[in-house]
């Protein structure tokens, strides 16, 4: 199995002293039927327009026709920083998911966690969730469960106020592992 991860600095694990982020922690706890190839192509400060425009060319070089390929989309707050509307964010995610579906690539989406942002993360998360729900694609709600979580906010404040540290990435990994990950990575019959 090949798993390609695209997203922003949160999917890349920026701020984690162990350099694992949530992706590394999830992969370490996953039980793959055979060894898996993981390619994390996440980039700091990227928004969904940039992601929709460039993900395919980067990811295709890591896809395989002999092995099952999966796509993980880790969404952050880049759209709010770029001033994109919720409608534009929805369209960008829809384009990514539809392109993956055309190639029969199963996709898993992780929504934005609560971070300092110039906009409403809750609205953005709801927009992303709606796009995934309409396509029956698993979506991890990170914003709601973490918005009132004391350890999450303490970890953010301890690092730089913008990114989680080890505790925060551990919490994100827990959410991913407990919101459909295991059933998603199981081989398709």
C-alpha atoms as a PDB file:
ATOM      1  CA  UNK A   1       0.000   0.000   0.000  1.00  0.00           C
ATOM      2  CA  UNK A   2       1.121   3.539  -0.750  1.00  0.00           C
ATOM      3  CA  UNK A   3      -0.229   6.467   1.230  1.00  0.00           C
ATOM      4  CA  UNK A   4       0.372   9.990  -0.019  1.00  0.00           C
ATOM      5  CA  UNK A   5      -0.292  12.844   2.410  1.00  0.00           C
ATOM      6  CA  UNK A   6      -0.929  16.387   1.181  1.00  0.00           C
ATOM      7  CA  UNK A   7      -1.651  19.430   3.299  1.00  0.00           C
ATOM      8  CA  UNK A   8      -0.142  22.333   5.203  1.00  0.00           C
ATOM      9  CA  UNK A   9       2.333  22.731   8.081  1.00  0.00           C
ATOM     10  CA  UNK A  10       0.061  20.868  10.523  1.00  0.00           C
ATOM     11  CA  UNK A  11       0.083  17.786   8.271  1.00  0.00           C
ATOM     12  CA  UNK A  12       3.861  18.268   7.942  1.00  0.00           C
ATOM     13  CA  UNK A  13       4.271  18.277  11.745  1.00  0.00           C
ATOM     14  CA  UNK A  14       5.806  21.742  12.115  1.00  0.00           C
ATOM     15  CA  UNK A  15       6.607  22.376  15.772  1.00  0.00           C
ATOM     16  CA  UNK A  16       6.923  18.758  16.856  1.00  0.00           C
ATOM     17  CA  UNK A  17      10.237  18.238  18.650  1.00  0.00           C
ATOM     18  CA  UNK A  18      10.118  14.555  17.631  1.00  0.00           C
ATOM     19  CA  UNK A  19       9.433  15.426  13.966  1.00  0.00           C
ATOM     20  CA  UNK A  20       6.516  13.004  13.819  1.00  0.00           C
ATOM     21  CA  UNK A  21       3.486  15.290  13.719  1.00  0.00           C
ATOM     22  CA  UNK A  22       0.121  13.587  13.691  1.00  0.00           C
ATOM     23  CA  UNK A  23       0.957  11.721  10.481  1.00  0.00           C
ATOM     24  CA  UNK A  24       3.996   9.947  11.946  1.00  0.00           C
ATOM     25  CA  UNK A  25       2.117   9.065  15.117  1.00  0.00           C
ATOM     26  CA  UNK A  26      -0.829   7.658  13.161  1.00  0.00           C
ATOM     27  CA  UNK A  27       1.408   5.603  10.893  1.00  0.00           C
ATOM     28  CA  UNK A  28       3.355   4.234  13.875  1.00  0.00           C
ATOM     29  CA  UNK A  29       0.124   2.991  15.469  1.00  0.00           C
ATOM     30  CA  UNK A  30      -1.415   1.608  12.276  1.00  0.00           C
ATOM     31  CA  UNK A  31      -1.566  -2.101  11.558  1.00  0.00           C
ATOM     32  CA  UNK A  32      -0.949  -2.486   7.832  1.00  0.00           C
ATOM     33  CA  UNK A  33      -1.403  -5.943   6.269  1.00  0.00           C
ATOM     34  CA  UNK A  34       1.999  -5.444   4.592  1.00  0.00           C
ATOM     35  CA  UNK A  35       4.652  -2.734   4.943  1.00  0.00           C
ATOM     36  CA  UNK A  36       3.332   0.577   3.613  1.00  0.00           C
ATOM     37  CA  UNK A  37       5.112   3.345   1.739  1.00  0.00           C
ATOM     38  CA  UNK A  38       4.274   6.774   3.177  1.00  0.00           C
ATOM     39  CA  UNK A  39       4.998  10.022   1.307  1.00  0.00           C
ATOM     40  CA  UNK A  40       4.245  13.224   3.210  1.00  0.00           C
ATOM     41  CA  UNK A  41       4.144  16.019   0.614  1.00  0.00           C
ATOM     42  CA  UNK A  42       2.737  18.679   2.950  1.00  0.00           C
ATOM     43  CA  UNK A  43       3.989  22.251   2.650  1.00  0.00           C
ATOM     44  CA  UNK A  44       3.891  25.099   5.187  1.00  0.00           C
ATOM     45  CA  UNK A  45       1.556  28.022   4.502  1.00  0.00           C
ATOM     46  CA  UNK A  46      -0.303  26.375   1.618  1.00  0.00           C
ATOM     47  CA  UNK A  47      -3.993  27.037   1.032  1.00  0.00           C
ATOM     48  CA  UNK A  48      -6.556  24.826  -0.694  1.00  0.00           C
ATOM     49  CA  UNK A  49      -6.278  26.714  -4.019  1.00  0.00           C
ATOM     50  CA  UNK A  50      -2.544  25.978  -4.175  1.00  0.00           C
ATOM     51  CA  UNK A  51      -3.158  22.421  -3.006  1.00  0.00           C
ATOM     52  CA  UNK A  52      -5.844  21.794  -5.638  1.00  0.00           C
ATOM     53  CA  UNK A  53      -3.620  23.242  -8.342  1.00  0.00           C
ATOM     54  CA  UNK A  54      -0.456  21.280  -7.536  1.00  0.00           C
ATOM     55  CA  UNK A  55      -1.233  18.123  -5.587  1.00  0.00           C
ATOM     56  CA  UNK A  56      -1.731  15.839  -8.553  1.00  0.00           C
ATOM     57  CA  UNK A  57       1.625  16.413 -10.257  1.00  0.00           C
ATOM     58  CA  UNK A  58       3.507  15.877  -6.991  1.00  0.00           C
ATOM     59  CA  UNK A  59       1.478  12.890  -5.837  1.00  0.00           C
ATOM     60  CA  UNK A  60       1.368  10.992  -9.135  1.00  0.00           C
ATOM     61  CA  UNK A  61       5.108  10.388  -9.000  1.00  0.00           C
ATOM     62  CA  UNK A  62       4.506   8.436  -5.775  1.00  0.00           C
ATOM     63  CA  UNK A  63       1.459   6.481  -6.986  1.00  0.00           C
ATOM     64  CA  UNK A  64       1.765   2.886  -8.095  1.00  0.00           C
ATOM     65  CA  UNK A  65      -0.289   0.798 -10.480  1.00  0.00           C
ATOM     66  CA  UNK A  66       0.926  -2.414  -8.823  1.00  0.00           C
ATOM     67  CA  UNK A  67       0.111  -1.414  -5.226  1.00  0.00           C
ATOM     68  CA  UNK A  68      -2.993   0.064  -3.701  1.00  0.00           C
ATOM     69  CA  UNK A  69      -2.650   3.832  -3.408  1.00  0.00           C
ATOM     70  CA  UNK A  70      -4.423   6.058  -0.887  1.00  0.00           C
ATOM     71  CA  UNK A  71      -4.570   9.836  -0.413  1.00  0.00           C
ATOM     72  CA  UNK A  72      -4.739  11.690   2.910  1.00  0.00           C
ATOM     73  CA  UNK A  73      -5.651  15.395   2.807  1.00  0.00           C
ATOM     74  CA  UNK A  74      -4.681  17.346   5.940  1.00  0.00           C
ATOM     75  CA  UNK A  75      -6.416  20.724   5.903  1.00  0.00           C
ATOM     76  CA  UNK A  76      -5.383  23.629   8.092  1.00  0.00           C
ATOM     77  CA  UNK A  77      -6.102  27.335   8.254  1.00  0.00           C
ATOM     78  CA  UNK A  78      -4.250  28.426   5.119  1.00  0.00           C
ATOM     79  CA  UNK A  79      -7.543  29.367   3.451  1.00  0.00           C
ATOM     80  CA  UNK A  80      -8.371  31.776   6.272  1.00  0.00           C
ATOM     81  CA  UNK A  81      -4.899  33.326   6.086  1.00  0.00           C
ATOM     82  CA  UNK A  82      -5.331  33.744   2.317  1.00  0.00           C
ATOM     83  CA  UNK A  83      -8.795  35.271   2.694  1.00  0.00           C
ATOM     84  CA  UNK A  84     -10.569  32.545   0.727  1.00  0.00           C
ATOM     85  CA  UNK A  85     -14.325  32.269   1.137  1.00  0.00           C
ATOM     86  CA  UNK A  86     -15.891  29.093   2.529  1.00  0.00           C
ATOM     87  CA  UNK A  87     -17.439  28.533  -0.914  1.00  0.00           C
ATOM     88  CA  UNK A  88     -14.012  28.668  -2.601  1.00  0.00           C
ATOM     89  CA  UNK A  89     -12.548  26.329   0.049  1.00  0.00           C
ATOM     90  CA  UNK A  90     -15.393  23.862  -0.557  1.00  0.00           C
ATOM     91  CA  UNK A  91     -14.852  23.970  -4.307  1.00  0.00           C
ATOM     92  CA  UNK A  92     -11.103  23.435  -3.966  1.00  0.00           C
ATOM     93  CA  UNK A  93     -11.564  20.402  -1.724  1.00  0.00           C
ATOM     94  CA  UNK A  94     -14.282  19.044  -4.018  1.00  0.00           C
ATOM     95  CA  UNK A  95     -11.900  19.325  -6.976  1.00  0.00           C
ATOM     96  CA  UNK A  96      -9.184  17.396  -5.109  1.00  0.00           C
ATOM     97  CA  UNK A  97     -11.578  14.666  -4.008  1.00  0.00           C
ATOM     98  CA  UNK A  98     -13.242  14.348  -7.416  1.00  0.00           C
ATOM     99  CA  UNK A  99      -9.867  14.115  -9.155  1.00  0.00           C
ATOM    100  CA  UNK A 100      -8.780  11.354  -6.762  1.00  0.00           C
ATOM    101  CA  UNK A 101     -12.103   9.541  -7.253  1.00  0.00           C
ATOM    102  CA  UNK A 102     -11.684   9.638 -11.045  1.00  0.00           C
ATOM    103  CA  UNK A 103      -8.453   7.694 -10.545  1.00  0.00           C
ATOM    104  CA  UNK A 104     -10.076   5.339  -8.001  1.00  0.00           C
ATOM    105  CA  UNK A 105      -7.853   6.596  -5.176  1.00  0.00           C
ATOM    106  CA  UNK A 106      -9.526   6.245  -1.762  1.00  0.00           C
ATOM    107  CA  UNK A 107      -9.235   9.483   0.192  1.00  0.00           C
ATOM    108  CA  UNK A 108      -9.272  10.399   3.887  1.00  0.00           C
ATOM    109  CA  UNK A 109      -9.589  14.038   5.042  1.00  0.00           C
ATOM    110  CA  UNK A 110      -8.462  15.608   8.320  1.00  0.00           C
ATOM    111  CA  UNK A 111     -10.056  18.975   9.066  1.00  0.00           C
ATOM    112  CA  UNK A 112      -8.445  22.061  10.566  1.00  0.00           C
ATOM    113  CA  UNK A 113      -7.760  22.175  14.301  1.00  0.00           C
ATOM    114  CA  UNK A 114      -8.381  25.248  16.460  1.00  0.00           C
ATOM    115  CA  UNK A 115      -5.509  27.671  15.886  1.00  0.00           C
ATOM    116  CA  UNK A 116      -5.194  31.436  15.845  1.00  0.00           C
ATOM    117  CA  UNK A 117      -6.705  32.458  12.515  1.00  0.00           C
ATOM    118  CA  UNK A 118      -8.198  35.528  10.866  1.00  0.00           C
ATOM    119  CA  UNK A 119     -11.597  33.918  10.399  1.00  0.00           C
ATOM    120  CA  UNK A 120     -14.062  31.298  11.529  1.00  0.00           C
ATOM    121  CA  UNK A 121     -12.401  27.870  11.648  1.00  0.00           C
ATOM    122  CA  UNK A 122     -15.679  26.297  12.713  1.00  0.00           C
ATOM    123  CA  UNK A 123     -17.356  27.485   9.496  1.00  0.00           C
ATOM    124  CA  UNK A 124     -14.409  26.294   7.398  1.00  0.00           C
ATOM    125  CA  UNK A 125     -14.458  22.882   9.082  1.00  0.00           C
ATOM    126  CA  UNK A 126     -18.210  22.574   8.503  1.00  0.00           C
ATOM    127  CA  UNK A 127     -17.735  23.411   4.811  1.00  0.00           C
ATOM    128  CA  UNK A 128     -15.039  20.757   4.419  1.00  0.00           C
ATOM    129  CA  UNK A 129     -17.127  18.226   6.338  1.00  0.00           C
ATOM    130  CA  UNK A 130     -20.092  18.834   4.032  1.00  0.00           C
ATOM    131  CA  UNK A 131     -17.997  18.213   0.915  1.00  0.00           C
ATOM    132  CA  UNK A 132     -16.737  14.921   2.369  1.00  0.00           C
ATOM    133  CA  UNK A 133     -20.163  13.838   3.562  1.00  0.00           C
ATOM    134  CA  UNK A 134     -21.657  14.353   0.083  1.00  0.00           C
ATOM    135  CA  UNK A 135     -18.961  12.067  -1.341  1.00  0.00           C
ATOM    136  CA  UNK A 136     -18.990   9.497   1.493  1.00  0.00           C
ATOM    137  CA  UNK A 137     -15.364  10.254   2.299  1.00  0.00           C
ATOM    138  CA  UNK A 138     -14.142   9.934   5.897  1.00  0.00           C
ATOM    139  CA  UNK A 139     -13.641  13.314   7.573  1.00  0.00           C
ATOM    140  CA  UNK A 140     -11.918  13.881  10.913  1.00  0.00           C
ATOM    141  CA  UNK A 141     -13.494  16.690  12.898  1.00  0.00           C
ATOM    142  CA  UNK A 142     -10.511  18.216  14.697  1.00  0.00           C
ATOM    143  CA  UNK A 143     -11.926  21.649  15.470  1.00  0.00           C
ATOM    144  CA  UNK A 144     -14.872  20.705  17.697  1.00  0.00           C
ATOM    145  CA  UNK A 145     -13.166  18.195  19.981  1.00  0.00           C
ATOM    146  CA  UNK A 146     -10.058  20.359  20.447  1.00  0.00           C
ATOM    147  CA  UNK A 147     -11.639  23.830  20.682  1.00  0.00           C
ATOM    148  CA  UNK A 148     -12.289  23.464  24.424  1.00  0.00           C
ATOM    149  CA  UNK A 149      -9.450  21.024  25.191  1.00  0.00           C
ATOM    150  CA  UNK A 150      -7.174  22.540  27.852  1.00  0.00           C
ATOM    151  CA  UNK A 151      -4.107  20.482  26.933  1.00  0.00           C
ATOM    152  CA  UNK A 152      -4.433  21.469  23.270  1.00  0.00           C
ATOM    153  CA  UNK A 153      -4.499  25.181  24.105  1.00  0.00           C
ATOM    154  CA  UNK A 154      -1.686  24.876  26.650  1.00  0.00           C
ATOM    155  CA  UNK A 155       0.474  23.075  24.082  1.00  0.00           C
ATOM    156  CA  UNK A 156      -0.202  25.725  21.428  1.00  0.00           C
ATOM    157  CA  UNK A 157       0.642  28.519  23.886  1.00  0.00           C
ATOM    158  CA  UNK A 158       3.840  26.775  24.988  1.00  0.00           C
ATOM    159  CA  UNK A 159       5.215  26.500  21.465  1.00  0.00           C
ATOM    160  CA  UNK A 160       4.516  29.628  19.408  1.00  0.00           C
ATOM    161  CA  UNK A 161       0.775  30.228  19.638  1.00  0.00           C
ATOM    162  CA  UNK A 162       0.299  28.998  16.067  1.00  0.00           C
ATOM    163  CA  UNK A 163       1.338  25.341  16.022  1.00  0.00           C
ATOM    164  CA  UNK A 164       0.988  22.378  18.347  1.00  0.00           C
ATOM    165  CA  UNK A 165       3.875  20.572  19.991  1.00  0.00           C
ATOM    166  CA  UNK A 166       4.119  16.919  20.966  1.00  0.00           C
ATOM    167  CA  UNK A 167       0.964  16.920  23.089  1.00  0.00           C
ATOM    168  CA  UNK A 168      -1.104  18.639  20.408  1.00  0.00           C
ATOM    169  CA  UNK A 169       0.078  16.316  17.657  1.00  0.00           C
ATOM    170  CA  UNK A 170      -0.649  13.367  19.932  1.00  0.00           C
ATOM    171  CA  UNK A 171      -4.207  14.643  20.383  1.00  0.00           C
ATOM    172  CA  UNK A 172      -4.638  15.074  16.627  1.00  0.00           C
ATOM    173  CA  UNK A 173      -3.308  11.560  16.035  1.00  0.00           C
ATOM    174  CA  UNK A 174      -5.769  10.178  18.591  1.00  0.00           C
ATOM    175  CA  UNK A 175      -8.650  11.877  16.767  1.00  0.00           C
ATOM    176  CA  UNK A 176      -7.549  10.469  13.414  1.00  0.00           C
ATOM    177  CA  UNK A 177      -7.113   6.966  14.821  1.00  0.00           C
ATOM    178  CA  UNK A 178     -10.549   7.107  16.430  1.00  0.00           C
ATOM    179  CA  UNK A 179     -12.528   8.619  13.561  1.00  0.00           C
ATOM    180  CA  UNK A 180     -12.420   5.913  10.922  1.00  0.00           C
ATOM    181  CA  UNK A 181      -8.726   5.502  10.124  1.00  0.00           C
ATOM    182  CA  UNK A 182      -8.387   1.784  10.786  1.00  0.00           C
ATOM    183  CA  UNK A 183     -11.386   0.784   8.693  1.00  0.00           C
ATOM    184  CA  UNK A 184     -10.151   3.087   5.908  1.00  0.00           C
ATOM    185  CA  UNK A 185      -6.684   1.525   5.656  1.00  0.00           C
ATOM    186  CA  UNK A 186      -7.963  -2.032   5.511  1.00  0.00           C
ATOM    187  CA  UNK A 187      -7.540  -3.498   2.024  1.00  0.00           C
ATOM    188  CA  UNK A 188     -10.490  -3.328  -0.316  1.00  0.00           C
ATOM    189  CA  UNK A 189     -11.898  -6.695  -1.425  1.00  0.00           C
END
